[in-house]
Amino acid sequence: MTSEEGDGVAELVLAAKERGETGKGAASRLRRAGFLPAVVYGKALGNLPVQVETKEVEKILARAGEKSLIRLRIQDGQAREYSTLIREIQRHPVKRDLVHIDFYQISLEEDLVTEVPVLLEGEPPGVKAGGVLQHSARTVEVECRPADLPAELILDISSLGLGEVARVADLPVPPGVRVRTDPDMVLASIVVPRGVTGEEAPPAEGGPAEEK
């Protein structure tokens, strides 16, 4: 895996090779040899079976996550390169090892629509007051150029009190990114458990008793 910049857009470069064999048996042999069976989808490509090094894919996921731009460099006599995003990752249900990966070809000059993870940041006072944080939605749909695609969006919940919610409309987005998800959809909320009121936080354990 390397990182290169083309047309002003930074992409991670992943070497790939076209697969001649498909099927479960061929896929198992590839995985034992340290390779991951994959498919590249695209208007001009159709469905192109390829193989990539498993350890290189793991490096990309650890470094940049699933929403990183990847330039697939297919080397099989005639070098071909495609700008792609990860479409789907399959893992073993128990071991969680990588089993298969799908890429889809994109144009750097056209908008794309995809899901972006939403991460919560901050310590809500409502939780300190005895409430329970619920992360209702973990992704939102965005539309943007590939160069503007964020790896994640951060929602600040440090001001949420008991019974309060944070919606998509509260989510800050970088320039060039348009959120397509309903702005009224709840992303996070502080649920009030039975017996807890929103008037004041309970005293800290071991703190001074209230004067009467």
N, C-alpha and C. Protein backbone atom coordinates (compact mmCIF):
# COMPACT_ATOMS: atom_id res chain seq x y z
N MET A 1 0.84 -1.20 0.00
CA MET A 1 0.00 0.00 0.00
C MET A 1 0.87 1.24 0.00
N THR A 2 0.59 2.17 -0.92
CA THR A 2 1.25 3.46 -0.94
C THR A 2 0.19 4.53 -1.06
N SER A 3 0.62 5.78 -0.93
CA SER A 3 -0.30 6.91 -1.07
C SER A 3 0.21 7.81 -2.17
N GLU A 4 -0.66 8.13 -3.13
CA GLU A 4 -0.29 9.00 -4.24
C GLU A 4 -1.38 10.04 -4.43
N GLU A 5 -1.01 11.12 -5.11
CA GLU A 5 -1.97 12.18 -5.38
C GLU A 5 -2.09 12.37 -6.88
N GLY A 6 -3.33 12.28 -7.35
CA GLY A 6 -3.60 12.50 -8.76
C GLY A 6 -4.79 13.40 -8.93
N ASP A 7 -4.70 14.37 -9.83
CA ASP A 7 -5.77 15.36 -10.04
C ASP A 7 -6.12 16.08 -8.75
N GLY A 8 -5.10 16.26 -7.88
CA GLY A 8 -5.32 16.98 -6.63
C GLY A 8 -6.02 16.18 -5.56
N VAL A 9 -6.21 14.88 -5.79
CA VAL A 9 -6.92 14.02 -4.84
C VAL A 9 -5.97 12.95 -4.33
N ALA A 10 -5.82 12.86 -3.01
CA ALA A 10 -4.95 11.84 -2.42
C ALA A 10 -5.68 10.50 -2.39
N GLU A 11 -5.01 9.47 -2.91
CA GLU A 11 -5.59 8.13 -2.93
C GLU A 11 -4.56 7.14 -2.39
N LEU A 12 -5.06 6.14 -1.69
CA LEU A 12 -4.22 5.02 -1.29
C LEU A 12 -4.16 4.05 -2.46
N VAL A 13 -2.97 3.58 -2.77
CA VAL A 13 -2.78 2.70 -3.91
C VAL A 13 -2.70 1.26 -3.43
N LEU A 14 -3.52 0.40 -4.03
CA LEU A 14 -3.56 -1.01 -3.66
C LEU A 14 -3.33 -1.85 -4.91
N ALA A 15 -2.30 -2.68 -4.88
CA ALA A 15 -2.01 -3.55 -6.01
C ALA A 15 -3.02 -4.69 -6.06
N ALA A 16 -3.44 -5.04 -7.27
CA ALA A 16 -4.40 -6.12 -7.47
C ALA A 16 -4.02 -6.92 -8.71
N LYS A 17 -4.59 -8.10 -8.80
CA LYS A 17 -4.36 -8.95 -9.96
C LYS A 17 -5.67 -9.61 -10.34
N GLU A 18 -5.93 -9.67 -11.63
CA GLU A 18 -7.18 -10.27 -12.09
C GLU A 18 -7.19 -11.76 -11.76
N ARG A 19 -8.34 -12.24 -11.30
CA ARG A 19 -8.48 -13.65 -10.93
C ARG A 19 -8.93 -14.47 -12.14
N GLY A 20 -8.26 -15.60 -12.34
CA GLY A 20 -8.67 -16.49 -13.42
C GLY A 20 -9.68 -17.51 -12.95
N GLU A 21 -9.61 -17.87 -11.67
CA GLU A 21 -10.51 -18.87 -11.10
C GLU A 21 -11.46 -18.22 -10.11
N THR A 22 -12.68 -18.70 -10.08
CA THR A 22 -13.66 -18.24 -9.09
C THR A 22 -14.27 -19.46 -8.41
N GLY A 23 -15.10 -19.21 -7.42
CA GLY A 23 -15.72 -20.31 -6.69
C GLY A 23 -15.11 -20.48 -5.31
N LYS A 24 -15.77 -21.29 -4.47
CA LYS A 24 -15.34 -21.45 -3.08
C LYS A 24 -13.96 -22.06 -2.96
N GLY A 25 -13.68 -23.08 -3.78
CA GLY A 25 -12.39 -23.74 -3.69
C GLY A 25 -11.25 -22.81 -4.04
N ALA A 26 -11.41 -22.05 -5.13
CA ALA A 26 -10.37 -21.11 -5.54
C ALA A 26 -10.20 -20.01 -4.50
N ALA A 27 -11.32 -19.54 -3.93
CA ALA A 27 -11.25 -18.48 -2.92
C ALA A 27 -10.53 -18.96 -1.67
N SER A 28 -10.77 -20.20 -1.27
CA SER A 28 -10.09 -20.76 -0.09
C SER A 28 -8.59 -20.86 -0.32
N ARG A 29 -8.20 -21.27 -1.52
CA ARG A 29 -6.77 -21.37 -1.83
C ARG A 29 -6.11 -20.00 -1.79
N LEU A 30 -6.81 -18.99 -2.29
CA LEU A 30 -6.27 -17.63 -2.27
C LEU A 30 -6.04 -17.16 -0.84
N ARG A 31 -7.03 -17.39 0.02
CA ARG A 31 -6.92 -16.93 1.41
C ARG A 31 -5.78 -17.63 2.14
N ARG A 32 -5.59 -18.92 1.86
CA ARG A 32 -4.49 -19.64 2.50
C ARG A 32 -3.14 -19.10 2.05
N ALA A 33 -3.09 -18.55 0.84
CA ALA A 33 -1.85 -17.99 0.29
C ALA A 33 -1.64 -16.53 0.68
N GLY A 34 -2.57 -15.98 1.48
CA GLY A 34 -2.41 -14.60 1.94
C GLY A 34 -3.08 -13.56 1.07
N PHE A 35 -3.97 -14.03 0.18
CA PHE A 35 -4.68 -13.10 -0.70
C PHE A 35 -6.17 -13.10 -0.39
N LEU A 36 -6.81 -12.02 -0.77
CA LEU A 36 -8.23 -11.84 -0.51
C LEU A 36 -8.97 -11.78 -1.84
N PRO A 37 -9.95 -12.66 -2.06
CA PRO A 37 -10.75 -12.54 -3.28
C PRO A 37 -11.60 -11.28 -3.23
N ALA A 38 -11.70 -10.62 -4.38
CA ALA A 38 -12.42 -9.35 -4.45
C ALA A 38 -13.09 -9.21 -5.81
N VAL A 39 -14.02 -8.28 -5.88
CA VAL A 39 -14.69 -7.95 -7.14
C VAL A 39 -14.73 -6.43 -7.27
N VAL A 40 -14.44 -5.94 -8.47
CA VAL A 40 -14.56 -4.52 -8.76
C VAL A 40 -15.78 -4.32 -9.64
N TYR A 41 -16.70 -3.45 -9.20
CA TYR A 41 -17.90 -3.16 -9.97
C TYR A 41 -17.76 -1.78 -10.62
N GLY A 42 -18.24 -1.66 -11.85
CA GLY A 42 -18.18 -0.38 -12.54
C GLY A 42 -18.96 -0.42 -13.84
N LYS A 43 -19.38 0.75 -14.30
CA LYS A 43 -20.16 0.82 -15.54
C LYS A 43 -19.39 0.23 -16.72
N ALA A 44 -18.12 0.60 -16.83
CA ALA A 44 -17.32 0.13 -17.96
C ALA A 44 -16.74 -1.25 -17.70
N LEU A 45 -16.59 -1.61 -16.42
CA LEU A 45 -15.94 -2.87 -16.05
C LEU A 45 -16.90 -4.04 -15.98
N GLY A 46 -18.13 -3.77 -15.60
CA GLY A 46 -19.02 -4.86 -15.25
C GLY A 46 -18.61 -5.38 -13.88
N ASN A 47 -18.44 -6.68 -13.76
CA ASN A 47 -17.96 -7.29 -12.52
C ASN A 47 -16.60 -7.93 -12.80
N LEU A 48 -15.55 -7.35 -12.25
CA LEU A 48 -14.19 -7.82 -12.53
C LEU A 48 -13.63 -8.52 -11.29
N PRO A 49 -13.45 -9.87 -11.33
CA PRO A 49 -12.86 -10.58 -10.19
C PRO A 49 -11.36 -10.30 -10.11
N VAL A 50 -10.91 -9.91 -8.92
CA VAL A 50 -9.49 -9.65 -8.69
C VAL A 50 -9.08 -10.25 -7.36
N GLN A 51 -7.78 -10.22 -7.10
CA GLN A 51 -7.26 -10.63 -5.80
C GLN A 51 -6.31 -9.56 -5.30
N VAL A 52 -6.32 -9.34 -3.98
CA VAL A 52 -5.45 -8.35 -3.35
C VAL A 52 -4.81 -9.00 -2.13
N GLU A 53 -3.70 -8.44 -1.68
CA GLU A 53 -3.04 -8.99 -0.50
C GLU A 53 -3.85 -8.63 0.75
N THR A 54 -4.15 -9.63 1.55
CA THR A 54 -4.96 -9.43 2.75
C THR A 54 -4.31 -8.42 3.69
N LYS A 55 -3.01 -8.54 3.91
CA LYS A 55 -2.34 -7.66 4.86
C LYS A 55 -2.36 -6.20 4.39
N GLU A 56 -2.36 -5.98 3.07
CA GLU A 56 -2.42 -4.61 2.55
C GLU A 56 -3.80 -4.01 2.77
N VAL A 57 -4.84 -4.81 2.62
CA VAL A 57 -6.20 -4.33 2.89
C VAL A 57 -6.34 -4.00 4.37
N GLU A 58 -5.79 -4.84 5.22
CA GLU A 58 -5.87 -4.59 6.67
C GLU A 58 -5.16 -3.29 7.03
N LYS A 59 -4.05 -2.99 6.36
CA LYS A 59 -3.34 -1.74 6.60
C LYS A 59 -4.20 -0.54 6.23
N ILE A 60 -4.89 -0.63 5.10
CA ILE A 60 -5.75 0.47 4.66
C ILE A 60 -6.88 0.69 5.65
N LEU A 61 -7.51 -0.39 6.09
CA LEU A 61 -8.63 -0.27 7.03
C LEU A 61 -8.16 0.32 8.35
N ALA A 62 -6.97 -0.08 8.81
CA ALA A 62 -6.45 0.45 10.07
C ALA A 62 -6.05 1.91 9.94
N ARG A 63 -5.56 2.30 8.79
CA ARG A 63 -5.06 3.66 8.60
C ARG A 63 -6.17 4.65 8.26
N ALA A 64 -7.07 4.26 7.37
CA ALA A 64 -8.02 5.23 6.84
C ALA A 64 -9.47 4.80 6.92
N GLY A 65 -9.76 3.58 7.35
CA GLY A 65 -11.14 3.15 7.46
C GLY A 65 -11.73 2.71 6.13
N GLU A 66 -13.02 2.42 6.16
CA GLU A 66 -13.70 1.86 5.00
C GLU A 66 -14.10 2.89 3.96
N LYS A 67 -13.99 4.19 4.28
CA LYS A 67 -14.45 5.22 3.36
C LYS A 67 -13.30 5.92 2.65
N SER A 68 -12.13 5.31 2.63
CA SER A 68 -10.98 5.94 1.99
C SER A 68 -11.01 5.71 0.48
N LEU A 69 -10.46 6.67 -0.26
CA LEU A 69 -10.31 6.52 -1.70
C LEU A 69 -9.16 5.56 -1.98
N ILE A 70 -9.41 4.58 -2.82
CA ILE A 70 -8.40 3.57 -3.13
C ILE A 70 -8.20 3.51 -4.64
N ARG A 71 -6.96 3.67 -5.06
CA ARG A 71 -6.64 3.50 -6.47
C ARG A 71 -6.17 2.06 -6.66
N LEU A 72 -7.01 1.26 -7.30
CA LEU A 72 -6.65 -0.13 -7.56
C LEU A 72 -5.74 -0.18 -8.77
N ARG A 73 -4.56 -0.72 -8.58
CA ARG A 73 -3.58 -0.84 -9.67
C ARG A 73 -3.50 -2.31 -10.06
N ILE A 74 -4.14 -2.66 -11.16
CA ILE A 74 -4.21 -4.05 -11.60
C ILE A 74 -3.04 -4.33 -12.53
N GLN A 75 -2.19 -5.24 -12.11
CA GLN A 75 -0.96 -5.54 -12.84
C GLN A 75 -1.01 -6.97 -13.35
N ASP A 76 -1.33 -7.11 -14.61
CA ASP A 76 -1.35 -8.43 -15.23
C ASP A 76 -0.93 -8.30 -16.70
N GLY A 77 0.28 -7.80 -16.89
CA GLY A 77 0.78 -7.59 -18.24
C GLY A 77 0.55 -6.18 -18.72
N GLN A 78 -0.68 -5.71 -18.56
CA GLN A 78 -1.04 -4.34 -18.94
C GLN A 78 -1.58 -3.62 -17.71
N ALA A 79 -0.83 -2.63 -17.23
CA ALA A 79 -1.23 -1.94 -16.00
C ALA A 79 -2.50 -1.14 -16.22
N ARG A 80 -3.46 -1.31 -15.31
CA ARG A 80 -4.70 -0.54 -15.34
C ARG A 80 -4.96 0.00 -13.94
N GLU A 81 -5.52 1.19 -13.88
CA GLU A 81 -5.80 1.81 -12.59
C GLU A 81 -7.24 2.31 -12.55
N TYR A 82 -7.87 2.10 -11.40
CA TYR A 82 -9.25 2.53 -11.22
C TYR A 82 -9.39 3.19 -9.85
N SER A 83 -10.01 4.35 -9.82
CA SER A 83 -10.36 4.99 -8.55
C SER A 83 -11.59 4.29 -8.00
N THR A 84 -11.50 3.85 -6.75
CA THR A 84 -12.59 3.05 -6.18
C THR A 84 -12.86 3.44 -4.73
N LEU A 85 -14.00 2.97 -4.26
CA LEU A 85 -14.34 2.96 -2.84
C LEU A 85 -14.73 1.54 -2.47
N ILE A 86 -14.62 1.22 -1.19
CA ILE A 86 -15.05 -0.09 -0.73
C ILE A 86 -16.57 -0.13 -0.70
N ARG A 87 -17.13 -1.16 -1.30
CA ARG A 87 -18.58 -1.32 -1.33
C ARG A 87 -19.07 -2.21 -0.19
N GLU A 88 -18.36 -3.31 0.03
CA GLU A 88 -18.77 -4.24 1.09
C GLU A 88 -17.57 -5.06 1.54
N ILE A 89 -17.51 -5.32 2.82
CA ILE A 89 -16.48 -6.18 3.40
C ILE A 89 -17.16 -7.36 4.08
N GLN A 90 -16.70 -8.56 3.78
CA GLN A 90 -17.21 -9.76 4.44
C GLN A 90 -16.14 -10.32 5.36
N ARG A 91 -16.53 -10.68 6.57
CA ARG A 91 -15.62 -11.27 7.55
C ARG A 91 -16.15 -12.61 8.03
N HIS A 92 -15.26 -13.43 8.53
CA HIS A 92 -15.65 -14.70 9.12
C HIS A 92 -16.52 -14.41 10.35
N PRO A 93 -17.66 -15.10 10.49
CA PRO A 93 -18.59 -14.77 11.58
C PRO A 93 -18.02 -14.97 12.98
N VAL A 94 -17.02 -15.84 13.13
CA VAL A 94 -16.44 -16.10 14.45
C VAL A 94 -15.05 -15.49 14.58
N LYS A 95 -14.17 -15.80 13.64
CA LYS A 95 -12.78 -15.33 13.71
C LYS A 95 -12.66 -13.85 13.35
N ARG A 96 -13.61 -13.32 12.58
CA ARG A 96 -13.62 -11.93 12.13
C ARG A 96 -12.50 -11.64 11.13
N ASP A 97 -11.90 -12.70 10.57
CA ASP A 97 -10.90 -12.51 9.52
C ASP A 97 -11.58 -12.02 8.25
N LEU A 98 -10.84 -11.27 7.44
CA LEU A 98 -11.36 -10.84 6.15
C LEU A 98 -11.59 -12.05 5.26
N VAL A 99 -12.75 -12.08 4.60
CA VAL A 99 -13.11 -13.20 3.73
C VAL A 99 -13.24 -12.75 2.28
N HIS A 100 -13.83 -11.59 2.07
CA HIS A 100 -14.08 -11.09 0.70
C HIS A 100 -14.29 -9.59 0.77
N ILE A 101 -13.97 -8.92 -0.32
CA ILE A 101 -14.16 -7.47 -0.37
C ILE A 101 -14.65 -7.06 -1.75
N ASP A 102 -15.56 -6.12 -1.79
CA ASP A 102 -16.07 -5.57 -3.05
C ASP A 102 -15.67 -4.11 -3.16
N PHE A 103 -15.23 -3.70 -4.34
CA PHE A 103 -14.94 -2.31 -4.64
C PHE A 103 -15.90 -1.83 -5.72
N TYR A 104 -16.16 -0.53 -5.76
CA TYR A 104 -16.89 0.01 -6.91
C TYR A 104 -16.14 1.21 -7.47
N GLN A 105 -16.09 1.22 -8.80
CA GLN A 105 -15.35 2.26 -9.51
C GLN A 105 -16.11 3.58 -9.44
N ILE A 106 -15.38 4.67 -9.24
CA ILE A 106 -15.99 5.99 -9.19
C ILE A 106 -15.26 6.93 -10.13
N SER A 107 -15.90 8.04 -10.43
CA SER A 107 -15.27 9.11 -11.19
C SER A 107 -14.93 10.24 -10.22
N LEU A 108 -13.70 10.72 -10.27
CA LEU A 108 -13.30 11.82 -9.39
C LEU A 108 -13.97 13.12 -9.77
N GLU A 109 -14.58 13.16 -10.95
CA GLU A 109 -15.21 14.38 -11.45
C GLU A 109 -16.71 14.40 -11.22
N GLU A 110 -17.26 13.36 -10.62
CA GLU A 110 -18.71 13.28 -10.41
C GLU A 110 -19.02 13.11 -8.93
N ASP A 111 -20.18 13.63 -8.52
CA ASP A 111 -20.63 13.45 -7.14
C ASP A 111 -20.95 11.98 -6.89
N LEU A 112 -20.75 11.56 -5.67
CA LEU A 112 -21.14 10.21 -5.27
C LEU A 112 -22.03 10.30 -4.04
N VAL A 113 -22.83 9.28 -3.86
CA VAL A 113 -23.73 9.18 -2.70
C VAL A 113 -23.32 7.94 -1.91
N THR A 114 -23.05 8.12 -0.64
CA THR A 114 -22.61 7.00 0.19
C THR A 114 -22.92 7.26 1.65
N GLU A 115 -22.78 6.23 2.47
CA GLU A 115 -22.99 6.35 3.91
C GLU A 115 -21.67 6.70 4.60
N VAL A 116 -21.75 7.57 5.59
CA VAL A 116 -20.58 7.97 6.37
C VAL A 116 -20.89 7.74 7.85
N PRO A 117 -19.97 7.14 8.60
CA PRO A 117 -20.23 6.90 10.03
C PRO A 117 -20.28 8.19 10.84
N VAL A 118 -21.13 8.18 11.86
CA VAL A 118 -21.25 9.30 12.80
C VAL A 118 -20.68 8.86 14.14
N LEU A 119 -19.68 9.61 14.62
CA LEU A 119 -19.08 9.32 15.92
C LEU A 119 -19.50 10.38 16.93
N LEU A 120 -19.73 9.96 18.15
CA LEU A 120 -20.14 10.87 19.22
C LEU A 120 -18.92 11.33 20.00
N GLU A 121 -18.93 12.60 20.37
CA GLU A 121 -17.80 13.17 21.10
C GLU A 121 -18.31 14.02 22.26
N GLY A 122 -17.69 13.86 23.42
CA GLY A 122 -18.08 14.65 24.58
C GLY A 122 -18.76 13.83 25.65
N GLU A 123 -18.84 14.41 26.84
CA GLU A 123 -19.50 13.77 27.98
C GLU A 123 -20.77 14.54 28.31
N PRO A 124 -21.93 14.00 27.97
CA PRO A 124 -23.19 14.72 28.20
C PRO A 124 -23.48 14.89 29.69
N PRO A 125 -23.89 16.08 30.11
CA PRO A 125 -24.28 16.26 31.52
C PRO A 125 -25.48 15.40 31.88
N GLY A 126 -26.30 15.06 30.89
CA GLY A 126 -27.45 14.21 31.17
C GLY A 126 -27.06 12.82 31.64
N VAL A 127 -25.93 12.32 31.16
CA VAL A 127 -25.44 11.02 31.62
C VAL A 127 -24.93 11.13 33.05
N LYS A 128 -24.24 12.23 33.35
CA LYS A 128 -23.76 12.45 34.72
C LYS A 128 -24.92 12.58 35.69
N ALA A 129 -26.08 13.03 35.17
CA ALA A 129 -27.26 13.19 36.02
C ALA A 129 -28.08 11.90 36.13
N GLY A 130 -27.55 10.81 35.57
CA GLY A 130 -28.24 9.54 35.71
C GLY A 130 -28.92 9.04 34.46
N GLY A 131 -28.86 9.82 33.37
CA GLY A 131 -29.48 9.40 32.13
C GLY A 131 -28.66 8.36 31.39
N VAL A 132 -29.27 7.78 30.35
CA VAL A 132 -28.62 6.75 29.55
C VAL A 132 -28.48 7.26 28.12
N LEU A 133 -27.27 7.22 27.59
CA LEU A 133 -27.02 7.67 26.23
C LEU A 133 -27.44 6.59 25.23
N GLN A 134 -28.24 6.99 24.25
CA GLN A 134 -28.62 6.10 23.17
C GLN A 134 -28.11 6.67 21.85
N HIS A 135 -27.30 5.86 21.14
CA HIS A 135 -26.79 6.24 19.83
C HIS A 135 -27.72 5.62 18.80
N SER A 136 -28.74 6.36 18.39
CA SER A 136 -29.83 5.80 17.60
C SER A 136 -29.44 5.47 16.17
N ALA A 137 -28.67 6.33 15.53
CA ALA A 137 -28.26 6.12 14.14
C ALA A 137 -26.76 6.33 14.05
N ARG A 138 -26.09 5.40 13.42
CA ARG A 138 -24.63 5.43 13.38
C ARG A 138 -24.06 5.85 12.04
N THR A 139 -24.91 6.06 11.04
CA THR A 139 -24.45 6.55 9.75
C THR A 139 -25.46 7.55 9.19
N VAL A 140 -24.99 8.40 8.29
CA VAL A 140 -25.88 9.27 7.52
C VAL A 140 -25.46 9.18 6.06
N GLU A 141 -26.40 9.48 5.19
CA GLU A 141 -26.11 9.46 3.75
C GLU A 141 -25.67 10.84 3.30
N VAL A 142 -24.55 10.90 2.58
CA VAL A 142 -24.03 12.17 2.11
C VAL A 142 -23.83 12.13 0.60
N GLU A 143 -23.74 13.32 0.01
CA GLU A 143 -23.44 13.46 -1.41
C GLU A 143 -22.32 14.48 -1.56
N CYS A 144 -21.29 14.12 -2.30
CA CYS A 144 -20.15 15.01 -2.47
C CYS A 144 -19.21 14.46 -3.54
N ARG A 145 -18.22 15.26 -3.90
CA ARG A 145 -17.15 14.77 -4.75
C ARG A 145 -16.25 13.83 -3.94
N PRO A 146 -15.64 12.86 -4.58
CA PRO A 146 -14.77 11.94 -3.84
C PRO A 146 -13.69 12.64 -3.03
N ALA A 147 -13.16 13.75 -3.56
CA ALA A 147 -12.10 14.47 -2.84
C ALA A 147 -12.59 15.06 -1.53
N ASP A 148 -13.91 15.31 -1.42
CA ASP A 148 -14.47 15.93 -0.22
C ASP A 148 -15.05 14.92 0.76
N LEU A 149 -15.02 13.64 0.41
CA LEU A 149 -15.67 12.63 1.23
C LEU A 149 -14.97 12.49 2.59
N PRO A 150 -15.69 12.75 3.68
CA PRO A 150 -15.07 12.59 5.01
C PRO A 150 -15.06 11.12 5.43
N ALA A 151 -14.04 10.74 6.18
CA ALA A 151 -13.99 9.37 6.69
C ALA A 151 -15.05 9.15 7.75
N GLU A 152 -15.43 10.24 8.44
CA GLU A 152 -16.42 10.18 9.51
C GLU A 152 -16.93 11.58 9.79
N LEU A 153 -18.04 11.67 10.47
CA LEU A 153 -18.58 12.94 10.93
C LEU A 153 -18.68 12.89 12.46
N ILE A 154 -18.29 13.99 13.10
CA ILE A 154 -18.25 14.04 14.56
C ILE A 154 -19.42 14.86 15.09
N LEU A 155 -20.19 14.28 16.00
CA LEU A 155 -21.31 14.97 16.63
C LEU A 155 -20.96 15.27 18.08
N ASP A 156 -20.93 16.54 18.44
CA ASP A 156 -20.61 16.96 19.81
C ASP A 156 -21.86 16.82 20.68
N ILE A 157 -21.79 15.97 21.69
CA ILE A 157 -22.95 15.75 22.57
C ILE A 157 -22.66 16.25 23.98
N SER A 158 -21.66 17.11 24.12
CA SER A 158 -21.24 17.55 25.46
C SER A 158 -22.25 18.49 26.13
N SER A 159 -23.30 18.90 25.42
CA SER A 159 -24.30 19.78 26.03
C SER A 159 -25.65 19.09 26.23
N LEU A 160 -25.76 17.81 25.90
CA LEU A 160 -27.04 17.11 26.00
C LEU A 160 -27.42 16.84 27.45
N GLY A 161 -28.61 17.31 27.83
CA GLY A 161 -29.12 17.06 29.17
C GLY A 161 -30.13 15.94 29.16
N LEU A 162 -30.70 15.67 30.32
CA LEU A 162 -31.71 14.62 30.44
C LEU A 162 -32.89 14.88 29.51
N GLY A 163 -33.26 13.86 28.75
CA GLY A 163 -34.41 13.96 27.86
C GLY A 163 -34.15 14.71 26.57
N GLU A 164 -32.94 15.16 26.34
CA GLU A 164 -32.63 15.93 25.13
C GLU A 164 -32.11 15.03 24.03
N VAL A 165 -32.24 15.52 22.78
CA VAL A 165 -31.82 14.73 21.61
C VAL A 165 -30.93 15.57 20.71
N ALA A 166 -30.12 14.89 19.92
CA ALA A 166 -29.32 15.53 18.87
C ALA A 166 -29.76 14.93 17.54
N ARG A 167 -30.07 15.80 16.59
CA ARG A 167 -30.59 15.36 15.31
C ARG A 167 -29.56 15.55 14.19
N VAL A 168 -29.90 15.04 13.02
CA VAL A 168 -29.03 15.20 11.86
C VAL A 168 -28.75 16.67 11.60
N ALA A 169 -29.74 17.52 11.82
CA ALA A 169 -29.57 18.96 11.59
C ALA A 169 -28.49 19.56 12.49
N ASP A 170 -28.18 18.90 13.60
CA ASP A 170 -27.15 19.40 14.53
C ASP A 170 -25.74 18.96 14.12
N LEU A 171 -25.64 18.16 13.09
CA LEU A 171 -24.36 17.57 12.70
C LEU A 171 -23.58 18.54 11.81
N PRO A 172 -22.40 18.98 12.24
CA PRO A 172 -21.58 19.84 11.39
C PRO A 172 -20.96 19.04 10.25
N VAL A 173 -20.98 19.61 9.06
CA VAL A 173 -20.41 18.92 7.90
C VAL A 173 -19.39 19.83 7.23
N PRO A 174 -18.36 19.27 6.64
CA PRO A 174 -17.33 20.09 5.98
C PRO A 174 -17.85 20.67 4.67
N PRO A 175 -17.17 21.69 4.14
CA PRO A 175 -17.57 22.29 2.86
C PRO A 175 -17.60 21.25 1.75
N GLY A 176 -18.57 21.38 0.86
CA GLY A 176 -18.67 20.48 -0.27
C GLY A 176 -19.45 19.22 -0.01
N VAL A 177 -19.88 19.02 1.24
CA VAL A 177 -20.61 17.81 1.60
C VAL A 177 -22.06 18.15 1.90
N ARG A 178 -22.99 17.44 1.29
CA ARG A 178 -24.42 17.64 1.52
C ARG A 178 -25.00 16.38 2.16
N VAL A 179 -25.68 16.56 3.28
CA VAL A 179 -26.30 15.43 3.97
C VAL A 179 -27.68 15.19 3.39
N ARG A 180 -27.94 13.97 2.95
CA ARG A 180 -29.22 13.63 2.33
C ARG A 180 -30.21 13.01 3.31
N THR A 181 -29.73 12.60 4.47
CA THR A 181 -30.60 12.00 5.48
C THR A 181 -31.54 13.06 6.05
N ASP A 182 -32.74 12.64 6.42
CA ASP A 182 -33.75 13.53 7.01
C ASP A 182 -33.14 14.33 8.16
N PRO A 183 -33.16 15.66 8.09
CA PRO A 183 -32.54 16.47 9.15
C PRO A 183 -33.19 16.29 10.52
N ASP A 184 -34.42 15.78 10.57
CA ASP A 184 -35.10 15.58 11.85
C ASP A 184 -34.79 14.23 12.49
N MET A 185 -34.08 13.38 11.78
CA MET A 185 -33.78 12.06 12.34
C MET A 185 -32.87 12.18 13.56
N VAL A 186 -33.23 11.45 14.63
CA VAL A 186 -32.46 11.50 15.87
C VAL A 186 -31.20 10.66 15.74
N LEU A 187 -30.07 11.26 16.08
CA LEU A 187 -28.79 10.54 16.09
C LEU A 187 -28.43 10.05 17.48
N ALA A 188 -28.71 10.87 18.48
CA ALA A 188 -28.37 10.49 19.86
C ALA A 188 -29.36 11.15 20.80
N SER A 189 -29.58 10.51 21.94
CA SER A 189 -30.51 11.06 22.94
C SER A 189 -30.09 10.59 24.32
N ILE A 190 -30.53 11.36 25.32
CA ILE A 190 -30.30 10.99 26.72
C ILE A 190 -31.64 10.55 27.29
N VAL A 191 -31.78 9.27 27.49
CA VAL A 191 -33.03 8.70 27.99
C VAL A 191 -33.06 8.81 29.51
N VAL A 192 -34.22 9.22 30.01
CA VAL A 192 -34.38 9.38 31.46
C VAL A 192 -34.91 8.08 32.06
N PRO A 193 -34.12 7.38 32.86
CA PRO A 193 -34.60 6.15 33.50
C PRO A 193 -35.69 6.46 34.52
N ARG A 194 -36.48 5.47 34.83
CA ARG A 194 -37.52 5.63 35.84
C ARG A 194 -36.89 5.99 37.18
N GLY A 195 -37.43 7.01 37.81
CA GLY A 195 -36.92 7.43 39.11
C GLY A 195 -35.92 8.56 39.04
N VAL A 196 -35.51 8.93 37.82
CA VAL A 196 -34.58 10.06 37.66
C VAL A 196 -35.34 11.22 37.04
N THR A 197 -35.21 12.41 37.61
CA THR A 197 -35.87 13.59 37.08
C THR A 197 -34.85 14.49 36.42
N GLY A 198 -35.32 15.37 35.57
CA GLY A 198 -34.42 16.27 34.87
C GLY A 198 -34.19 17.57 35.60
N GLU A 199 -34.69 17.72 36.84
CA GLU A 199 -34.57 18.99 37.53
C GLU A 199 -33.16 19.25 38.03
N GLU A 200 -32.52 18.21 38.55
CA GLU A 200 -31.17 18.39 39.05
C GLU A 200 -30.45 17.06 39.04
N ALA A 201 -29.15 17.10 38.99
CA ALA A 201 -28.36 15.88 39.00
C ALA A 201 -28.30 15.34 40.41
N PRO A 202 -28.28 14.02 40.59
CA PRO A 202 -28.14 13.46 41.93
C PRO A 202 -26.77 13.78 42.48
N PRO A 203 -26.63 13.91 43.81
CA PRO A 203 -25.32 14.24 44.38
C PRO A 203 -24.32 13.15 44.10
N ALA A 204 -23.06 13.56 43.92
CA ALA A 204 -22.01 12.59 43.67
C ALA A 204 -21.84 11.71 44.89
N GLU A 205 -21.45 10.46 44.63
CA GLU A 205 -21.28 9.50 45.72
C GLU A 205 -20.20 9.99 46.67
N GLY A 206 -20.53 10.05 47.95
CA GLY A 206 -19.56 10.49 48.94
C GLY A 206 -19.51 11.99 49.09
N GLY A 207 -20.35 12.74 48.34
CA GLY A 207 -20.35 14.19 48.41
C GLY A 207 -21.09 14.67 49.63
N PRO A 208 -21.00 15.97 49.90
CA PRO A 208 -21.67 16.52 51.09
C PRO A 208 -23.18 16.45 50.95
N ALA A 209 -23.84 16.18 52.05
CA ALA A 209 -25.29 16.11 52.04
C ALA A 209 -25.87 17.50 51.95
N GLU A 210 -27.06 17.61 51.37
CA GLU A 210 -27.72 18.90 51.24
C GLU A 210 -28.17 19.40 52.62
N GLU A 211 -27.91 20.67 52.88
CA GLU A 211 -28.31 21.25 54.16
C GLU A 211 -29.82 21.42 54.20
N LYS A 212 -30.39 21.17 55.39
CA LYS A 212 -31.84 21.33 55.57
C LYS A 212 -32.12 22.39 56.59
